[in-house]
Protein backbone atom coordinates (compact mmCIF):
# COMPACT_ATOMS: atom_id res chain seq x y z
CA MET A 1 -153.10 79.71 -41.47
CA MET A 2 -152.17 79.24 -38.01
CA LEU A 3 -153.88 76.15 -36.69
CA MET A 4 -153.85 77.26 -33.05
CA THR A 5 -154.24 80.74 -31.76
CA LYS A 6 -153.93 81.87 -28.02
CA ALA A 7 -157.90 82.05 -27.99
CA ASN A 8 -158.11 78.54 -29.06
CA ARG A 9 -155.49 77.33 -26.58
CA LYS A 10 -157.29 79.12 -23.81
CA ALA A 11 -160.81 77.76 -24.91
CA LEU A 12 -159.67 74.26 -24.81
CA GLN A 13 -159.96 72.38 -21.70
CA PRO A 14 -156.98 70.52 -20.06
CA LEU A 15 -156.59 66.96 -21.38
CA GLY A 16 -158.32 64.41 -19.16
CA THR A 17 -160.99 66.79 -18.10
CA GLU A 18 -163.75 64.88 -20.37
CA ALA A 19 -164.95 68.25 -21.74
CA PRO A 20 -168.45 67.93 -23.28
CA GLU A 21 -167.98 70.08 -26.11
CA ALA A 22 -165.80 70.81 -29.19
CA VAL A 23 -164.23 74.42 -29.39
CA VAL A 24 -161.85 73.91 -32.27
CA LYS A 25 -162.54 72.49 -35.95
CA PHE A 26 -159.88 71.43 -38.34
CA PHE A 27 -160.70 70.00 -41.71
CA THR A 28 -159.22 69.07 -45.08
CA PRO A 29 -160.38 71.53 -47.47
CA ASP A 30 -159.91 68.96 -50.32
CA GLY A 31 -160.94 65.94 -48.49
CA GLN A 32 -163.63 64.53 -46.19
CA TRP A 33 -161.73 64.41 -42.81
CA THR A 34 -162.73 66.73 -39.88
CA TRP A 35 -161.22 66.85 -36.40
CA TYR A 36 -163.13 68.44 -33.53
CA ALA A 37 -160.89 69.25 -30.55
CA SER A 38 -162.44 69.60 -26.99
CA GLU A 39 -159.21 68.98 -24.84
CA PHE A 40 -155.53 69.93 -25.21
CA ASP A 41 -152.44 69.27 -23.34
CA GLY A 42 -150.94 72.66 -24.04
CA ILE A 43 -148.25 71.09 -26.19
CA ASP A 44 -149.29 68.86 -28.89
CA THR A 45 -151.95 66.43 -28.00
CA PHE A 46 -155.60 66.89 -28.56
CA PHE A 47 -158.74 64.83 -27.50
CA GLY A 48 -161.92 65.09 -29.33
CA LEU A 49 -164.06 63.69 -32.28
CA VAL A 50 -162.35 62.62 -35.55
CA ASP A 51 -164.76 62.27 -38.50
CA GLY A 52 -163.02 60.48 -41.31
CA VAL A 53 -163.68 56.87 -42.46
CA HIS A 54 -165.72 56.49 -39.16
CA LYS A 55 -166.59 58.89 -36.25
CA GLU A 56 -164.24 58.20 -33.26
CA LEU A 57 -163.36 59.71 -29.97
CA GLY A 58 -159.80 59.79 -29.39
CA TYR A 59 -156.27 61.47 -29.40
CA PHE A 60 -154.71 63.42 -32.23
CA SER A 61 -151.74 65.85 -32.39
CA LEU A 62 -151.07 69.37 -33.62
CA SER A 63 -147.84 68.19 -35.31
CA GLU A 64 -149.86 65.49 -37.14
CA LEU A 65 -152.33 67.93 -38.43
CA GLN A 66 -149.45 70.49 -39.40
CA SER A 67 -147.90 67.70 -41.59
CA LEU A 68 -151.02 66.21 -43.20
CA ARG A 69 -152.12 67.10 -46.65
CA GLY A 70 -155.49 66.35 -48.47
CA GLY A 71 -156.10 64.75 -51.92
CA LEU A 72 -154.85 67.83 -53.74
CA GLY A 73 -151.96 68.54 -51.42
CA LEU A 74 -153.77 71.28 -49.46
CA PRO A 75 -152.97 71.61 -45.70
CA ILE A 76 -155.35 71.08 -43.00
CA GLU A 77 -157.31 74.42 -42.07
CA ARG A 78 -158.86 75.56 -39.00
CA ASP A 79 -162.62 76.61 -39.27
CA ARG A 80 -162.53 80.23 -38.04
CA HIS A 81 -166.28 80.40 -37.77
CA PHE A 82 -166.83 77.15 -35.77
CA LYS A 83 -169.04 77.74 -32.68
CA PRO A 84 -168.59 75.36 -29.72
CA THR A 85 -170.75 72.42 -30.25
CA PRO A 86 -171.53 69.40 -27.77
CA LEU A 87 -169.61 66.30 -28.97
CA SER A 88 -172.83 64.43 -28.63
CA GLU A 89 -174.38 66.48 -31.49
CA LEU A 90 -171.43 66.06 -33.74
CA GLN A 91 -171.57 62.37 -33.03
CA GLN A 92 -175.04 62.13 -34.48
CA ASP A 93 -174.63 64.35 -37.66
CA GLY A 94 -174.39 62.82 -40.98
CA ASP A 95 -174.32 59.09 -41.53
CA GLN A 96 -174.73 58.00 -37.67
CA THR A 97 -171.44 55.99 -37.88
CA PHE A 98 -169.74 56.24 -34.37
CA ALA A 99 -167.12 54.39 -32.75
CA SER A 100 -165.76 55.36 -29.26
CA TRP A 101 -162.13 54.45 -28.08
């Protein structure tokens, strides 16, 4: 699966704009990690919410996502059905654990 499409690149705000909503969701199909991207530098670096051990706002990279594998060895996938969602809503879902960088 292609992690980034032209449409995804166009939808993401430039890095540093403090975009209020996530527009692309990546996840481990065989794990419990999710990355919600709201900003992108156009090359490799995203800013958004990472939901793993804790929920944190921060930076992550496309190259990192492409190299990661879940517990059963499956690659990271992009949720093709994800609809843009305010980061504030994503921060409150689930266990309420949230740490900001």
